[in-house]
Structures are given as structure tokens and as C-alpha cells.
């Protein structure tokens, strides 16, 4: 009989949809997975993906524990520093979680909640340095594991994080089976998917455009 694994995703307005949906596609298929999507209040949550709307079936007040907590990012992720209720909820769940995770700028939310002091962590490359504002150790890797905190770099890196987490929770065979099931075998048409590989001519203008979307420091 499978042991129940309670996996909780935080949803909030203007979040990046793939930050949550990528890991969701993997983690919801774990043996014994019970997935809960939570927001400040129940109901529709508008993502930053051209009007794509997600649904949170639970309010923060209804969920007080998780085995796995997943925090997606957004250009406005650090707006949540002005939501003490949300940050306190994250802290409460973290105290008893097996794993506390983030994708992209979700790590800035973990930082705002006070969970990254002295912790190696990653984020989207355009704002990686901002982790130091929370006394974190910015680490330019696709996925960073620090104790029970796992942070993933920008957007698509959440799938890598979820597969790593799947192996830790249910074993490598399960994780490999899930990877095959979603046919996650990237062969991008261009070799520009990381800061280290991208043509320098596209980096500066993209950085400027992204930073104009992110909340100012």
C-alpha cells in the first residue's frame, strides 16, 4: 500500500504558469500523491501567461501542512513580501515539510520568508544576485539542493527539480518512468537556453526587458 505524499502548490496572481505546471505534471503522478493547489483565497488565479487562469481549490487558512511545498515564481514574486499572511503560511509549512522547493523567482519568496539565510540557492539568471539580499548564497546551477530546500533556476528548470524530487520520494525507477512518460528529452532547436551558452548579443537586451518586468530592487 502506497504511503500518502501531500504535495502543496502555492498559487498567486501573475505567477508564471509553467513554474507550477511543469513540476505538477511530474509530481502529481507519484505513487500516493495527494496534490493541493492553494492561494490566499479559493478560486481563479490569473497567471502572467496571456490570461491563462488556474484554479486554487484551497485557501491558505485551510492547509497547514505539506510533505512537499512548491513555490512558483513571477516577475512580481517579491510583491509577496507585502503579504505577511502568505509568508507566515510558508514558514509554518516549512517547519514540518520533507521538502520545501521553488522554481525561478519563487526562491525570492522563500528568501522573503526568511528561509534562505546562509543557504545556497538558485533563481532565474536575471535576478540571481538578488538572493544575496536575503543572506542566501546565489548559486548558478539549474537545480540546487540545500538540506531540505531545493531551488530551481528559470521556469523550465522546475521539471528537472521535480524529477530529482521524484527520485528522492519514490526511487529512481519511478522518476525515470515519469520522465519517459512525459517524454522529457529536450532537443532544443537553438543552443541558447542558458546564460553560459547564449550569444552575448541577445543577453543584454533580454536582461533589460526582463528586469523591466521584475519588481525593482
C-alpha atoms as a PDB file:
ATOM      1  CA  UNK A   1       0.000   0.000   0.000  1.00  0.00           C
ATOM      2  CA  UNK A   2       1.417   3.375  -1.033  1.00  0.00           C
ATOM      3  CA  UNK A   3       2.230   5.978   1.571  1.00  0.00           C
ATOM      4  CA  UNK A   4       0.391   9.241   1.002  1.00  0.00           C
ATOM      5  CA  UNK A   5       2.565  12.148  -0.145  1.00  0.00           C
ATOM      6  CA  UNK A   6       0.896  15.517   0.337  1.00  0.00           C
ATOM      7  CA  UNK A   7       2.149  17.965  -2.300  1.00  0.00           C
ATOM      8  CA  UNK A   8       1.081  21.599  -1.978  1.00  0.00           C
ATOM      9  CA  UNK A   9       1.458  24.251  -4.683  1.00  0.00           C
ATOM     10  CA  UNK A  10       1.154  27.938  -3.819  1.00  0.00           C
ATOM     11  CA  UNK A  11      -0.769  29.906  -6.468  1.00  0.00           C
ATOM     12  CA  UNK A  12      -0.890  33.706  -6.619  1.00  0.00           C
ATOM     13  CA  UNK A  13      -1.868  36.340  -9.165  1.00  0.00           C
ATOM     14  CA  UNK A  14       0.553  36.909 -12.050  1.00  0.00           C
ATOM     15  CA  UNK A  15       2.599  33.794 -11.284  1.00  0.00           C
ATOM     16  CA  UNK A  16       4.394  32.131 -14.183  1.00  0.00           C
ATOM     17  CA  UNK A  17       2.211  29.182 -15.122  1.00  0.00           C
ATOM     18  CA  UNK A  18       4.952  26.793 -16.248  1.00  0.00           C
ATOM     19  CA  UNK A  19       6.782  27.266 -12.939  1.00  0.00           C
ATOM     20  CA  UNK A  20       3.929  25.325 -11.359  1.00  0.00           C
ATOM     21  CA  UNK A  21       2.583  23.249 -14.238  1.00  0.00           C
ATOM     22  CA  UNK A  22       5.963  21.719 -15.145  1.00  0.00           C
ATOM     23  CA  UNK A  23       6.576  20.252 -11.674  1.00  0.00           C
ATOM     24  CA  UNK A  24       2.857  19.468 -11.336  1.00  0.00           C
ATOM     25  CA  UNK A  25       2.968  17.183 -14.393  1.00  0.00           C
ATOM     26  CA  UNK A  26       5.672  15.120 -12.684  1.00  0.00           C
ATOM     27  CA  UNK A  27       4.738  15.211  -9.022  1.00  0.00           C
ATOM     28  CA  UNK A  28       1.012  14.536  -9.419  1.00  0.00           C
ATOM     29  CA  UNK A  29       1.917  11.127 -10.852  1.00  0.00           C
ATOM     30  CA  UNK A  30       3.944   9.942  -7.873  1.00  0.00           C
ATOM     31  CA  UNK A  31       2.554   6.872  -6.099  1.00  0.00           C
ATOM     32  CA  UNK A  32       0.349   8.075  -3.260  1.00  0.00           C
ATOM     33  CA  UNK A  33       0.446  11.712  -4.360  1.00  0.00           C
ATOM     34  CA  UNK A  34      -2.273  13.993  -2.986  1.00  0.00           C
ATOM     35  CA  UNK A  35      -1.919  17.366  -4.696  1.00  0.00           C
ATOM     36  CA  UNK A  36      -3.413  20.559  -3.299  1.00  0.00           C
ATOM     37  CA  UNK A  37      -3.395  23.923  -5.050  1.00  0.00           C
ATOM     38  CA  UNK A  38      -3.592  26.776  -2.574  1.00  0.00           C
ATOM     39  CA  UNK A  39      -3.977  30.559  -2.820  1.00  0.00           C
ATOM     40  CA  UNK A  40      -4.776  33.370  -0.426  1.00  0.00           C
ATOM     41  CA  UNK A  41      -8.409  32.588  -1.154  1.00  0.00           C
ATOM     42  CA  UNK A  42     -10.101  29.863  -3.174  1.00  0.00           C
ATOM     43  CA  UNK A  43     -10.883  30.410  -6.827  1.00  0.00           C
ATOM     44  CA  UNK A  44      -9.328  31.522 -10.109  1.00  0.00           C
ATOM     45  CA  UNK A  45      -5.756  32.797 -10.193  1.00  0.00           C
ATOM     46  CA  UNK A  46      -4.607  34.708 -13.260  1.00  0.00           C
ATOM     47  CA  UNK A  47      -1.107  33.792 -14.392  1.00  0.00           C
ATOM     48  CA  UNK A  48       1.233  36.058 -16.328  1.00  0.00           C
ATOM     49  CA  UNK A  49       0.791  33.873 -19.422  1.00  0.00           C
ATOM     50  CA  UNK A  50      -1.551  35.998 -21.553  1.00  0.00           C
ATOM     51  CA  UNK A  51      -4.630  35.492 -19.431  1.00  0.00           C
ATOM     52  CA  UNK A  52      -4.184  31.811 -18.646  1.00  0.00           C
ATOM     53  CA  UNK A  53      -6.172  31.189 -15.457  1.00  0.00           C
ATOM     54  CA  UNK A  54      -5.517  28.471 -12.898  1.00  0.00           C
ATOM     55  CA  UNK A  55      -7.765  27.348 -10.061  1.00  0.00           C
ATOM     56  CA  UNK A  56      -6.865  27.121  -6.384  1.00  0.00           C
ATOM     57  CA  UNK A  57      -9.193  24.717  -4.614  1.00  0.00           C
ATOM     58  CA  UNK A  58      -7.986  25.703  -1.152  1.00  0.00           C
ATOM     59  CA  UNK A  59      -7.339  28.888   0.799  1.00  0.00           C
ATOM     60  CA  UNK A  60      -4.200  29.364   2.884  1.00  0.00           C
ATOM     61  CA  UNK A  61      -6.256  29.022   6.045  1.00  0.00           C
ATOM     62  CA  UNK A  62      -7.370  25.522   5.030  1.00  0.00           C
ATOM     63  CA  UNK A  63      -3.914  23.982   4.581  1.00  0.00           C
ATOM     64  CA  UNK A  64      -1.436  23.801   7.445  1.00  0.00           C
ATOM     65  CA  UNK A  65       0.924  21.003   6.460  1.00  0.00           C
ATOM     66  CA  UNK A  66       2.666  19.520   3.435  1.00  0.00           C
ATOM     67  CA  UNK A  67       5.224  16.864   2.709  1.00  0.00           C
ATOM     68  CA  UNK A  68       6.306  18.868  -0.345  1.00  0.00           C
ATOM     69  CA  UNK A  69       5.793  22.607  -0.749  1.00  0.00           C
ATOM     70  CA  UNK A  70       6.264  24.110  -4.230  1.00  0.00           C
ATOM     71  CA  UNK A  71       6.598  27.879  -4.679  1.00  0.00           C
ATOM     72  CA  UNK A  72       6.488  29.087  -8.316  1.00  0.00           C
ATOM     73  CA  UNK A  73       7.959  32.389  -9.433  1.00  0.00           C
ATOM     74  CA  UNK A  74       6.742  35.505 -11.224  1.00  0.00           C
ATOM     75  CA  UNK A  75       8.023  38.836 -12.371  1.00  0.00           C
ATOM     76  CA  UNK A  76       6.171  40.242  -9.372  1.00  0.00           C
ATOM     77  CA  UNK A  77       7.184  37.449  -6.984  1.00  0.00           C
ATOM     78  CA  UNK A  78       8.684  39.783  -4.426  1.00  0.00           C
ATOM     79  CA  UNK A  79       5.345  41.568  -4.117  1.00  0.00           C
ATOM     80  CA  UNK A  80       4.590  38.777  -1.655  1.00  0.00           C
ATOM     81  CA  UNK A  81       6.938  40.440   0.820  1.00  0.00           C
ATOM     82  CA  UNK A  82       3.931  42.698   1.413  1.00  0.00           C
ATOM     83  CA  UNK A  83       1.750  39.677   2.212  1.00  0.00           C
ATOM     84  CA  UNK A  84       2.764  38.687   5.766  1.00  0.00           C
ATOM     85  CA  UNK A  85      -0.058  36.145   5.883  1.00  0.00           C
ATOM     86  CA  UNK A  86       1.424  34.281   2.901  1.00  0.00           C
ATOM     87  CA  UNK A  87       4.978  34.421   4.222  1.00  0.00           C
ATOM     88  CA  UNK A  88       3.905  33.143   7.634  1.00  0.00           C
ATOM     89  CA  UNK A  89       1.995  30.306   5.948  1.00  0.00           C
ATOM     90  CA  UNK A  90       5.161  29.340   4.050  1.00  0.00           C
ATOM     91  CA  UNK A  91       7.172  29.368   7.277  1.00  0.00           C
ATOM     92  CA  UNK A  92       4.608  27.181   9.050  1.00  0.00           C
ATOM     93  CA  UNK A  93       4.534  24.590   6.277  1.00  0.00           C
ATOM     94  CA  UNK A  94       8.313  24.595   6.039  1.00  0.00           C
ATOM     95  CA  UNK A  95       8.715  23.698   9.700  1.00  0.00           C
ATOM     96  CA  UNK A  96       7.293  20.218   9.071  1.00  0.00           C
ATOM     97  CA  UNK A  97       7.783  19.651   5.336  1.00  0.00           C
ATOM     98  CA  UNK A  98      10.012  16.916   3.982  1.00  0.00           C
ATOM     99  CA  UNK A  99      10.964  19.197   1.103  1.00  0.00           C
ATOM    100  CA  UNK A 100      10.455  22.910   0.511  1.00  0.00           C
ATOM    101  CA  UNK A 101      11.007  23.841  -3.127  1.00  0.00           C
ATOM    102  CA  UNK A 102      10.867  26.771  -5.502  1.00  0.00           C
ATOM    103  CA  UNK A 103      11.058  27.430  -9.204  1.00  0.00           C
ATOM    104  CA  UNK A 104      12.563  30.533 -10.808  1.00  0.00           C
ATOM    105  CA  UNK A 105      11.920  33.658  -8.722  1.00  0.00           C
ATOM    106  CA  UNK A 106       9.981  31.563  -6.241  1.00  0.00           C
ATOM    107  CA  UNK A 107      13.301  31.421  -4.393  1.00  0.00           C
ATOM    108  CA  UNK A 108      12.983  35.152  -3.736  1.00  0.00           C
ATOM    109  CA  UNK A 109       9.710  34.381  -1.976  1.00  0.00           C
ATOM    110  CA  UNK A 110      11.474  31.777   0.167  1.00  0.00           C
ATOM    111  CA  UNK A 111      14.071  34.439   0.892  1.00  0.00           C
ATOM    112  CA  UNK A 112      11.426  36.963   1.881  1.00  0.00           C
ATOM    113  CA  UNK A 113      10.007  34.331   4.245  1.00  0.00           C
ATOM    114  CA  UNK A 114      13.407  34.144   5.942  1.00  0.00           C
ATOM    115  CA  UNK A 115      14.207  30.581   4.872  1.00  0.00           C
ATOM    116  CA  UNK A 116      17.385  31.141   2.849  1.00  0.00           C
ATOM    117  CA  UNK A 117      19.810  32.779   5.291  1.00  0.00           C
ATOM    118  CA  UNK A 118      23.146  31.053   4.723  1.00  0.00           C
ATOM    119  CA  UNK A 119      21.552  28.679   2.213  1.00  0.00           C
ATOM    120  CA  UNK A 120      22.886  28.020  -1.294  1.00  0.00           C
ATOM    121  CA  UNK A 121      20.060  28.673  -3.769  1.00  0.00           C
ATOM    122  CA  UNK A 122      19.360  29.499  -7.381  1.00  0.00           C
ATOM    123  CA  UNK A 123      16.825  31.567  -9.298  1.00  0.00           C
ATOM    124  CA  UNK A 124      16.288  32.997 -12.771  1.00  0.00           C
ATOM    125  CA  UNK A 125      19.673  34.179 -14.070  1.00  0.00           C
ATOM    126  CA  UNK A 126      18.445  37.748 -14.493  1.00  0.00           C
ATOM    127  CA  UNK A 127      17.817  38.152 -10.758  1.00  0.00           C
ATOM    128  CA  UNK A 128      20.162  35.558  -9.276  1.00  0.00           C
ATOM    129  CA  UNK A 129      22.207  38.205  -7.463  1.00  0.00           C
ATOM    130  CA  UNK A 130      19.111  39.379  -5.595  1.00  0.00           C
ATOM    131  CA  UNK A 131      19.231  36.256  -3.459  1.00  0.00           C
ATOM    132  CA  UNK A 132      22.057  37.872  -1.517  1.00  0.00           C
ATOM    133  CA  UNK A 133      19.537  40.423  -0.224  1.00  0.00           C
ATOM    134  CA  UNK A 134      18.131  37.565   1.847  1.00  0.00           C
ATOM    135  CA  UNK A 135      21.584  36.393   3.027  1.00  0.00           C
ATOM    136  CA  UNK A 136      21.323  33.430   0.655  1.00  0.00           C
ATOM    137  CA  UNK A 137      24.298  32.159  -1.340  1.00  0.00           C
ATOM    138  CA  UNK A 138      23.483  32.739  -5.050  1.00  0.00           C
ATOM    139  CA  UNK A 139      24.449  29.594  -6.957  1.00  0.00           C
ATOM    140  CA  UNK A 140      24.348  29.483 -10.750  1.00  0.00           C
ATOM    141  CA  UNK A 141      23.140  25.925 -11.173  1.00  0.00           C
ATOM    142  CA  UNK A 142      19.973  24.569 -12.743  1.00  0.00           C
ATOM    143  CA  UNK A 143      18.892  22.850  -9.524  1.00  0.00           C
ATOM    144  CA  UNK A 144      20.390  23.425  -6.062  1.00  0.00           C
ATOM    145  CA  UNK A 145      19.748  21.142  -3.089  1.00  0.00           C
ATOM    146  CA  UNK A 146      20.499  22.607   0.349  1.00  0.00           C
ATOM    147  CA  UNK A 147      19.240  20.393   3.132  1.00  0.00           C
ATOM    148  CA  UNK A 148      15.526  20.018   2.604  1.00  0.00           C
ATOM    149  CA  UNK A 149      15.316  23.124   0.413  1.00  0.00           C
ATOM    150  CA  UNK A 150      15.541  22.575  -3.347  1.00  0.00           C
ATOM    151  CA  UNK A 151      15.537  25.582  -5.665  1.00  0.00           C
ATOM    152  CA  UNK A 152      15.353  25.500  -9.455  1.00  0.00           C
ATOM    153  CA  UNK A 153      16.527  28.111 -11.937  1.00  0.00           C
ATOM    154  CA  UNK A 154      14.248  29.717 -14.516  1.00  0.00           C
ATOM    155  CA  UNK A 155      10.878  28.275 -15.490  1.00  0.00           C
ATOM    156  CA  UNK A 156      11.658  25.012 -17.336  1.00  0.00           C
ATOM    157  CA  UNK A 157      14.196  24.030 -14.665  1.00  0.00           C
ATOM    158  CA  UNK A 158      11.214  23.182 -12.477  1.00  0.00           C
ATOM    159  CA  UNK A 159      10.792  19.948 -14.433  1.00  0.00           C
ATOM    160  CA  UNK A 160      14.367  18.927 -13.610  1.00  0.00           C
ATOM    161  CA  UNK A 161      13.755  19.764  -9.967  1.00  0.00           C
ATOM    162  CA  UNK A 162      10.568  17.705  -9.912  1.00  0.00           C
ATOM    163  CA  UNK A 163      12.276  14.657 -11.418  1.00  0.00           C
ATOM    164  CA  UNK A 164      15.067  14.888  -8.841  1.00  0.00           C
ATOM    165  CA  UNK A 165      12.455  15.157  -6.112  1.00  0.00           C
ATOM    166  CA  UNK A 166      10.506  12.224  -7.560  1.00  0.00           C
ATOM    167  CA  UNK A 167      13.605  10.053  -7.260  1.00  0.00           C
ATOM    168  CA  UNK A 168      14.110  11.093  -3.647  1.00  0.00           C
ATOM    169  CA  UNK A 169      10.486  10.391  -2.747  1.00  0.00           C
ATOM    170  CA  UNK A 170       9.739   7.284  -4.783  1.00  0.00           C
ATOM    171  CA  UNK A 171      13.021   5.973  -6.158  1.00  0.00           C
ATOM    172  CA  UNK A 172      14.961   6.414  -9.373  1.00  0.00           C
ATOM    173  CA  UNK A 173      12.949   3.839 -11.313  1.00  0.00           C
ATOM    174  CA  UNK A 174       9.739   5.766 -10.679  1.00  0.00           C
ATOM    175  CA  UNK A 175      11.422   9.046 -11.624  1.00  0.00           C
ATOM    176  CA  UNK A 176      12.829   7.582 -14.836  1.00  0.00           C
ATOM    177  CA  UNK A 177       9.427   6.117 -15.693  1.00  0.00           C
ATOM    178  CA  UNK A 178       7.783   9.508 -15.196  1.00  0.00           C
ATOM    179  CA  UNK A 179      10.434  11.168 -17.337  1.00  0.00           C
ATOM    180  CA  UNK A 180       9.755   8.692 -20.133  1.00  0.00           C
ATOM    181  CA  UNK A 181       6.009   9.090 -19.665  1.00  0.00           C
ATOM    182  CA  UNK A 182       6.185  12.830 -20.300  1.00  0.00           C
ATOM    183  CA  UNK A 183       8.901  12.247 -22.945  1.00  0.00           C
ATOM    184  CA  UNK A 184      11.161  14.784 -21.318  1.00  0.00           C
ATOM    185  CA  UNK A 185      14.211  14.545 -23.576  1.00  0.00           C
ATOM    186  CA  UNK A 186      14.946  18.120 -24.630  1.00  0.00           C
ATOM    187  CA  UNK A 187      16.484  18.735 -28.030  1.00  0.00           C
ATOM    188  CA  UNK A 188      16.072  22.499 -28.415  1.00  0.00           C
ATOM    189  CA  UNK A 189      16.481  23.953 -31.894  1.00  0.00           C
ATOM    190  CA  UNK A 190      18.937  26.552 -30.590  1.00  0.00           C
ATOM    191  CA  UNK A 191      21.789  26.331 -28.110  1.00  0.00           C
ATOM    192  CA  UNK A 192      20.730  29.432 -26.203  1.00  0.00           C
ATOM    193  CA  UNK A 193      18.901  28.033 -23.205  1.00  0.00           C
ATOM    194  CA  UNK A 194      21.361  29.193 -20.579  1.00  0.00           C
ATOM    195  CA  UNK A 195      23.341  32.314 -19.872  1.00  0.00           C
ATOM    196  CA  UNK A 196      26.583  30.396 -20.438  1.00  0.00           C
ATOM    197  CA  UNK A 197      25.557  29.255 -23.918  1.00  0.00           C
ATOM    198  CA  UNK A 198      23.581  32.198 -25.289  1.00  0.00           C
ATOM    199  CA  UNK A 199      25.031  34.589 -27.829  1.00  0.00           C
ATOM    200  CA  UNK A 200      26.143  37.686 -25.868  1.00  0.00           C
ATOM    201  CA  UNK A 201      24.306  39.868 -28.383  1.00  0.00           C
ATOM    202  CA  UNK A 202      20.933  38.704 -27.053  1.00  0.00           C
ATOM    203  CA  UNK A 203      21.795  38.697 -23.347  1.00  0.00           C
ATOM    204  CA  UNK A 204      21.872  42.427 -22.604  1.00  0.00           C
ATOM    205  CA  UNK A 205      18.595  43.361 -24.333  1.00  0.00           C
ATOM    206  CA  UNK A 206      16.811  40.357 -22.822  1.00  0.00           C
ATOM    207  CA  UNK A 207      18.152  41.168 -19.369  1.00  0.00           C
ATOM    208  CA  UNK A 208      16.882  44.732 -19.700  1.00  0.00           C
ATOM    209  CA  UNK A 209      13.472  43.551 -20.857  1.00  0.00           C
ATOM    210  CA  UNK A 210      13.170  41.008 -18.077  1.00  0.00           C
ATOM    211  CA  UNK A 211      14.268  43.436 -15.394  1.00  0.00           C
ATOM    212  CA  UNK A 212      11.615  45.877 -16.586  1.00  0.00           C
ATOM    213  CA  UNK A 213       9.058  43.160 -15.778  1.00  0.00           C
ATOM    214  CA  UNK A 214      10.503  42.197 -12.407  1.00  0.00           C
ATOM    215  CA  UNK A 215       9.715  44.301  -9.380  1.00  0.00           C
ATOM    216  CA  UNK A 216      12.550  46.853  -8.822  1.00  0.00           C
ATOM    217  CA  UNK A 217      15.124  46.024  -6.152  1.00  0.00           C
END
